Amino acid sequence: MKILSWNCQGLGSSPTIRALFNLLRQKHLDIVFLMETSLTQRKIDHLFQHSNFSQSFIVDPQ
């Protein structure tokens, strides 16, 4: 099982999104844990629509 845990500041920026999707493609990850993002559930859902992940659990920032 391959897991990525990333404290990813700037997940809304294009370079960070590209880096994330490159990791997803190259490593064939089973679980991705993104922490301390400032993105809402709607934005994260939109981001992962183009990934192979079928389930997610998101906590909106406070």
PDB file of N, CA and C in Angstrom:
ATOM      1  N   MET A   1       0.850  -1.171   0.000  1.00  0.00           N
ATOM      2  CA  MET A   1       0.000   0.000   0.000  1.00  0.00           C
ATOM      3  C   MET A   1       0.898   1.238   0.000  1.00  0.00           C
ATOM      4  N   LYS A   2       0.582   2.175  -0.879  1.00  0.00           N
ATOM      5  CA  LYS A   2       1.363   3.420  -0.971  1.00  0.00           C
ATOM      6  C   LYS A   2       0.512   4.587  -0.489  1.00  0.00           C
ATOM      7  N   ILE A   3       1.084   5.359   0.432  1.00  0.00           N
ATOM      8  CA  ILE A   3       0.387   6.478   1.058  1.00  0.00           C
ATOM      9  C   ILE A   3       1.229   7.740   0.925  1.00  0.00           C
ATOM     10  N   LEU A   4       0.571   8.847   0.587  1.00  0.00           N
ATOM     11  CA  LEU A   4       1.224  10.161   0.565  1.00  0.00           C
ATOM     12  C   LEU A   4       0.575  11.025   1.636  1.00  0.00           C
ATOM     13  N   SER A   5       1.379  11.567   2.526  1.00  0.00           N
ATOM     14  CA  SER A   5       0.929  12.539   3.512  1.00  0.00           C
ATOM     15  C   SER A   5       1.712  13.818   3.242  1.00  0.00           C
ATOM     16  N   TRP A   6       0.996  14.896   2.931  1.00  0.00           N
ATOM     17  CA  TRP A   6       1.661  16.117   2.476  1.00  0.00           C
ATOM     18  C   TRP A   6       1.053  17.333   3.163  1.00  0.00           C
ATOM     19  N   ASN A   7       1.874  18.095   3.849  1.00  0.00           N
ATOM     20  CA  ASN A   7       1.479  19.388   4.393  1.00  0.00           C
ATOM     21  C   ASN A   7       1.687  20.393   3.264  1.00  0.00           C
ATOM     22  N   CYS A   8       0.655  20.607   2.505  1.00  0.00           N
ATOM     23  CA  CYS A   8       0.825  21.289   1.213  1.00  0.00           C
ATOM     24  C   CYS A   8       0.269  22.707   1.231  1.00  0.00           C
ATOM     25  N   GLN A   9       1.119  23.641   1.488  1.00  0.00           N
ATOM     26  CA  GLN A   9       0.736  25.034   1.347  1.00  0.00           C
ATOM     27  C   GLN A   9       0.659  25.366  -0.138  1.00  0.00           C
ATOM     28  N   GLY A  10      -0.296  26.173  -0.502  1.00  0.00           N
ATOM     29  CA  GLY A  10      -0.392  26.617  -1.888  1.00  0.00           C
ATOM     30  C   GLY A  10      -1.044  25.619  -2.818  1.00  0.00           C
ATOM     31  N   LEU A  11      -1.926  24.764  -2.297  1.00  0.00           N
ATOM     32  CA  LEU A  11      -2.549  23.751  -3.133  1.00  0.00           C
ATOM     33  C   LEU A  11      -3.429  24.380  -4.212  1.00  0.00           C
ATOM     34  N   GLY A  12      -3.821  25.621  -4.058  1.00  0.00           N
ATOM     35  CA  GLY A  12      -4.620  26.292  -5.077  1.00  0.00           C
ATOM     36  C   GLY A  12      -3.795  26.798  -6.255  1.00  0.00           C
ATOM     37  N   SER A  13      -2.478  26.740  -6.165  1.00  0.00           N
ATOM     38  CA  SER A  13      -1.641  27.273  -7.246  1.00  0.00           C
ATOM     39  C   SER A  13      -1.358  26.194  -8.294  1.00  0.00           C
ATOM     40  N   SER A  14      -1.212  26.620  -9.522  1.00  0.00           N
ATOM     41  CA  SER A  14      -0.982  25.689 -10.633  1.00  0.00           C
ATOM     42  C   SER A  14       0.264  24.823 -10.463  1.00  0.00           C
ATOM     43  N   PRO A  15       1.414  25.374 -10.052  1.00  0.00           N
ATOM     44  CA  PRO A  15       2.598  24.519  -9.899  1.00  0.00           C
ATOM     45  C   PRO A  15       2.409  23.416  -8.847  1.00  0.00           C
ATOM     46  N   THR A  16       1.737  23.732  -7.759  1.00  0.00           N
ATOM     47  CA  THR A  16       1.504  22.736  -6.713  1.00  0.00           C
ATOM     48  C   THR A  16       0.541  21.664  -7.188  1.00  0.00           C
ATOM     49  N   ILE A  17      -0.490  22.058  -7.903  1.00  0.00           N
ATOM     50  CA  ILE A  17      -1.448  21.096  -8.454  1.00  0.00           C
ATOM     51  C   ILE A  17      -0.745  20.171  -9.442  1.00  0.00           C
ATOM     52  N   ARG A  18       0.100  20.725 -10.295  1.00  0.00           N
ATOM     53  CA  ARG A  18       0.855  19.894 -11.242  1.00  0.00           C
ATOM     54  C   ARG A  18       1.755  18.904 -10.505  1.00  0.00           C
ATOM     55  N   ALA A  19       2.421  19.371  -9.458  1.00  0.00           N
ATOM     56  CA  ALA A  19       3.301  18.491  -8.683  1.00  0.00           C
ATOM     57  C   ALA A  19       2.497  17.361  -8.039  1.00  0.00           C
ATOM     58  N   LEU A  20       1.322  17.676  -7.509  1.00  0.00           N
ATOM     59  CA  LEU A  20       0.476  16.659  -6.895  1.00  0.00           C
ATOM     60  C   LEU A  20       0.059  15.617  -7.926  1.00  0.00           C
ATOM     61  N   PHE A  21      -0.427  16.053  -9.076  1.00  0.00           N
ATOM     62  CA  PHE A  21      -0.883  15.107 -10.086  1.00  0.00           C
ATOM     63  C   PHE A  21       0.274  14.315 -10.700  1.00  0.00           C
ATOM     64  N   ASN A  22       1.455  14.895 -10.753  1.00  0.00           N
ATOM     65  CA  ASN A  22       2.631  14.126 -11.185  1.00  0.00           C
ATOM     66  C   ASN A  22       2.921  13.003 -10.192  1.00  0.00           C
ATOM     67  N   LEU A  23       2.834  13.303  -8.904  1.00  0.00           N
ATOM     68  CA  LEU A  23       3.033  12.267  -7.886  1.00  0.00           C
ATOM     69  C   LEU A  23       1.972  11.171  -8.005  1.00  0.00           C
ATOM     70  N   LEU A  24       0.730  11.575  -8.197  1.00  0.00           N
ATOM     71  CA  LEU A  24      -0.349  10.592  -8.322  1.00  0.00           C
ATOM     72  C   LEU A  24      -0.114   9.666  -9.506  1.00  0.00           C
ATOM     73  N   ARG A  25       0.320  10.228 -10.621  1.00  0.00           N
ATOM     74  CA  ARG A  25       0.583   9.433 -11.830  1.00  0.00           C
ATOM     75  C   ARG A  25       1.788   8.512 -11.661  1.00  0.00           C
ATOM     76  N   GLN A  26       2.851   9.039 -11.118  1.00  0.00           N
ATOM     77  CA  GLN A  26       4.110   8.294 -11.036  1.00  0.00           C
ATOM     78  C   GLN A  26       4.097   7.203  -9.961  1.00  0.00           C
ATOM     79  N   LYS A  27       3.483   7.477  -8.836  1.00  0.00           N
ATOM     80  CA  LYS A  27       3.597   6.583  -7.676  1.00  0.00           C
ATOM     81  C   LYS A  27       2.428   5.623  -7.525  1.00  0.00           C
ATOM     82  N   HIS A  28       1.325   5.831  -8.250  1.00  0.00           N
ATOM     83  CA  HIS A  28       0.153   4.949  -8.145  1.00  0.00           C
ATOM     84  C   HIS A  28      -0.264   4.778  -6.680  1.00  0.00           C
ATOM     85  N   LEU A  29      -0.541   5.902  -6.043  1.00  0.00           N
ATOM     86  CA  LEU A  29      -0.833   5.933  -4.614  1.00  0.00           C
ATOM     87  C   LEU A  29      -2.215   5.353  -4.305  1.00  0.00           C
ATOM     88  N   ASP A  30      -2.325   4.733  -3.138  1.00  0.00           N
ATOM     89  CA  ASP A  30      -3.591   4.185  -2.674  1.00  0.00           C
ATOM     90  C   ASP A  30      -4.345   5.177  -1.791  1.00  0.00           C
ATOM     91  N   ILE A  31      -3.602   5.933  -0.994  1.00  0.00           N
ATOM     92  CA  ILE A  31      -4.187   6.906  -0.069  1.00  0.00           C
ATOM     93  C   ILE A  31      -3.403   8.205  -0.167  1.00  0.00           C
ATOM     94  N   VAL A  32      -4.123   9.323  -0.202  1.00  0.00           N
ATOM     95  CA  VAL A  32      -3.495  10.648  -0.202  1.00  0.00           C
ATOM     96  C   VAL A  32      -4.096  11.441   0.950  1.00  0.00           C
ATOM     97  N   PHE A  33      -3.232  11.944   1.830  1.00  0.00           N
ATOM     98  CA  PHE A  33      -3.652  12.768   2.959  1.00  0.00           C
ATOM     99  C   PHE A  33      -3.036  14.149   2.775  1.00  0.00           C
ATOM    100  N   LEU A  34      -3.881  15.132   2.490  1.00  0.00           N
ATOM    101  CA  LEU A  34      -3.425  16.513   2.299  1.00  0.00           C
ATOM    102  C   LEU A  34      -3.851  17.309   3.524  1.00  0.00           C
ATOM    103  N   MET A  35      -2.880  17.894   4.203  1.00  0.00           N
ATOM    104  CA  MET A  35      -3.202  18.607   5.435  1.00  0.00           C
ATOM    105  C   MET A  35      -2.843  20.075   5.340  1.00  0.00           C
ATOM    106  N   GLU A  36      -3.552  20.836   6.149  1.00  0.00           N
ATOM    107  CA  GLU A  36      -3.344  22.270   6.275  1.00  0.00           C
ATOM    108  C   GLU A  36      -3.492  23.006   4.954  1.00  0.00           C
ATOM    109  N   THR A  37      -4.465  22.582   4.185  1.00  0.00           N
ATOM    110  CA  THR A  37      -4.789  23.353   2.990  1.00  0.00           C
ATOM    111  C   THR A  37      -5.824  24.400   3.392  1.00  0.00           C
ATOM    112  N   SER A  38      -5.958  25.446   2.634  1.00  0.00           N
ATOM    113  CA  SER A  38      -6.981  26.446   2.929  1.00  0.00           C
ATOM    114  C   SER A  38      -8.145  26.324   1.951  1.00  0.00           C
ATOM    115  N   LEU A  39      -8.174  25.224   1.209  1.00  0.00           N
ATOM    116  CA  LEU A  39      -9.225  25.036   0.222  1.00  0.00           C
ATOM    117  C   LEU A  39     -10.478  24.448   0.862  1.00  0.00           C
ATOM    118  N   THR A  40     -11.633  24.836   0.323  1.00  0.00           N
ATOM    119  CA  THR A  40     -12.900  24.305   0.797  1.00  0.00           C
ATOM    120  C   THR A  40     -13.163  22.943   0.171  1.00  0.00           C
ATOM    121  N   GLN A  41     -14.166  22.260   0.690  1.00  0.00           N
ATOM    122  CA  GLN A  41     -14.518  20.941   0.171  1.00  0.00           C
ATOM    123  C   GLN A  41     -14.860  21.011  -1.311  1.00  0.00           C
ATOM    124  N   ARG A  42     -15.573  22.044  -1.712  1.00  0.00           N
ATOM    125  CA  ARG A  42     -15.955  22.194  -3.117  1.00  0.00           C
ATOM    126  C   ARG A  42     -14.730  22.260  -4.027  1.00  0.00           C
ATOM    127  N   LYS A  43     -13.721  23.013  -3.624  1.00  0.00           N
ATOM    128  CA  LYS A  43     -12.509  23.149  -4.437  1.00  0.00           C
ATOM    129  C   LYS A  43     -11.690  21.859  -4.463  1.00  0.00           C
ATOM    130  N   ILE A  44     -11.625  21.170  -3.323  1.00  0.00           N
ATOM    131  CA  ILE A  44     -10.903  19.895  -3.282  1.00  0.00           C
ATOM    132  C   ILE A  44     -11.615  18.862  -4.146  1.00  0.00           C
ATOM    133  N   ASP A  45     -12.951  18.804  -4.053  1.00  0.00           N
ATOM    134  CA  ASP A  45     -13.720  17.875  -4.887  1.00  0.00           C
ATOM    135  C   ASP A  45     -13.466  18.146  -6.366  1.00  0.00           C
ATOM    136  N   HIS A  46     -13.467  19.407  -6.739  1.00  0.00           N
ATOM    137  CA  HIS A  46     -13.214  19.778  -8.138  1.00  0.00           C
ATOM    138  C   HIS A  46     -11.808  19.346  -8.561  1.00  0.00           C
ATOM    139  N   LEU A  47     -10.860  19.516  -7.681  1.00  0.00           N
ATOM    140  CA  LEU A  47      -9.474  19.144  -7.962  1.00  0.00           C
ATOM    141  C   LEU A  47      -9.349  17.639  -8.221  1.00  0.00           C
ATOM    142  N   PHE A  48     -10.048  16.841  -7.405  1.00  0.00           N
ATOM    143  CA  PHE A  48      -9.901  15.392  -7.506  1.00  0.00           C
ATOM    144  C   PHE A  48     -10.880  14.721  -8.466  1.00  0.00           C
ATOM    145  N   GLN A  49     -11.704  15.485  -9.148  1.00  0.00           N
ATOM    146  CA  GLN A  49     -12.585  14.903 -10.160  1.00  0.00           C
ATOM    147  C   GLN A  49     -11.772  14.227 -11.254  1.00  0.00           C
ATOM    148  N   HIS A  50     -10.570  14.701 -11.471  1.00  0.00           N
ATOM    149  CA  HIS A  50      -9.722  14.193 -12.548  1.00  0.00           C
ATOM    150  C   HIS A  50      -8.720  13.151 -12.067  1.00  0.00           C
ATOM    151  N   SER A  51      -8.914  12.650 -10.863  1.00  0.00           N
ATOM    152  CA  SER A  51      -8.014  11.617 -10.341  1.00  0.00           C
ATOM    153  C   SER A  51      -8.742  10.271 -10.323  1.00  0.00           C
ATOM    154  N   ASN A  52      -8.029   9.236  -9.947  1.00  0.00           N
ATOM    155  CA  ASN A  52      -8.619   7.901  -9.881  1.00  0.00           C
ATOM    156  C   ASN A  52      -9.187   7.574  -8.507  1.00  0.00           C
ATOM    157  N   PHE A  53      -9.226   8.541  -7.611  1.00  0.00           N
ATOM    158  CA  PHE A  53      -9.740   8.288  -6.273  1.00  0.00           C
ATOM    159  C   PHE A  53     -11.259   8.375  -6.268  1.00  0.00           C
ATOM    160  N   SER A  54     -11.893   7.384  -5.660  1.00  0.00           N
ATOM    161  CA  SER A  54     -13.357   7.330  -5.681  1.00  0.00           C
ATOM    162  C   SER A  54     -13.980   7.807  -4.369  1.00  0.00           C
ATOM    163  N   GLN A  55     -13.193   7.907  -3.306  1.00  0.00           N
ATOM    164  CA  GLN A  55     -13.729   8.304  -2.013  1.00  0.00           C
ATOM    165  C   GLN A  55     -12.851   9.380  -1.394  1.00  0.00           C
ATOM    166  N   SER A  56     -13.500  10.225  -0.600  1.00  0.00           N
ATOM    167  CA  SER A  56     -12.733  11.265   0.089  1.00  0.00           C
ATOM    168  C   SER A  56     -13.412  11.612   1.414  1.00  0.00           C
ATOM    169  N   PHE A  57     -12.630  12.164   2.304  1.00  0.00           N
ATOM    170  CA  PHE A  57     -13.119  12.715   3.559  1.00  0.00           C
ATOM    171  C   PHE A  57     -12.454  14.077   3.704  1.00  0.00           C
ATOM    172  N   ILE A  58     -13.268  15.112   3.755  1.00  0.00           N
ATOM    173  CA  ILE A  58     -12.736  16.478   3.743  1.00  0.00           C
ATOM    174  C   ILE A  58     -13.289  17.249   4.928  1.00  0.00           C
ATOM    175  N   VAL A  59     -12.416  17.973   5.597  1.00  0.00           N
ATOM    176  CA  VAL A  59     -12.809  18.867   6.666  1.00  0.00           C
ATOM    177  C   VAL A  59     -12.502  20.279   6.186  1.00  0.00           C
ATOM    178  N   ASP A  60     -13.556  21.108   6.111  1.00  0.00           N
ATOM    179  CA  ASP A  60     -13.348  22.485   5.654  1.00  0.00           C
ATOM    180  C   ASP A  60     -12.462  23.254   6.637  1.00  0.00           C
ATOM    181  N   PRO A  61     -11.666  24.193   6.122  1.00  0.00           N
ATOM    182  CA  PRO A  61     -10.812  25.002   7.004  1.00  0.00           C
ATOM    183  C   PRO A  61     -11.658  25.901   7.895  1.00  0.00           C
ATOM    184  N   GLN A  62     -11.115  26.211   9.052  1.00  0.00           N
ATOM    185  CA  GLN A  62     -11.834  27.089   9.978  1.00  0.00           C
ATOM    186  C   GLN A  62     -11.017  28.311  10.249  1.00  0.00           C
TER     187      GLN A  62
END
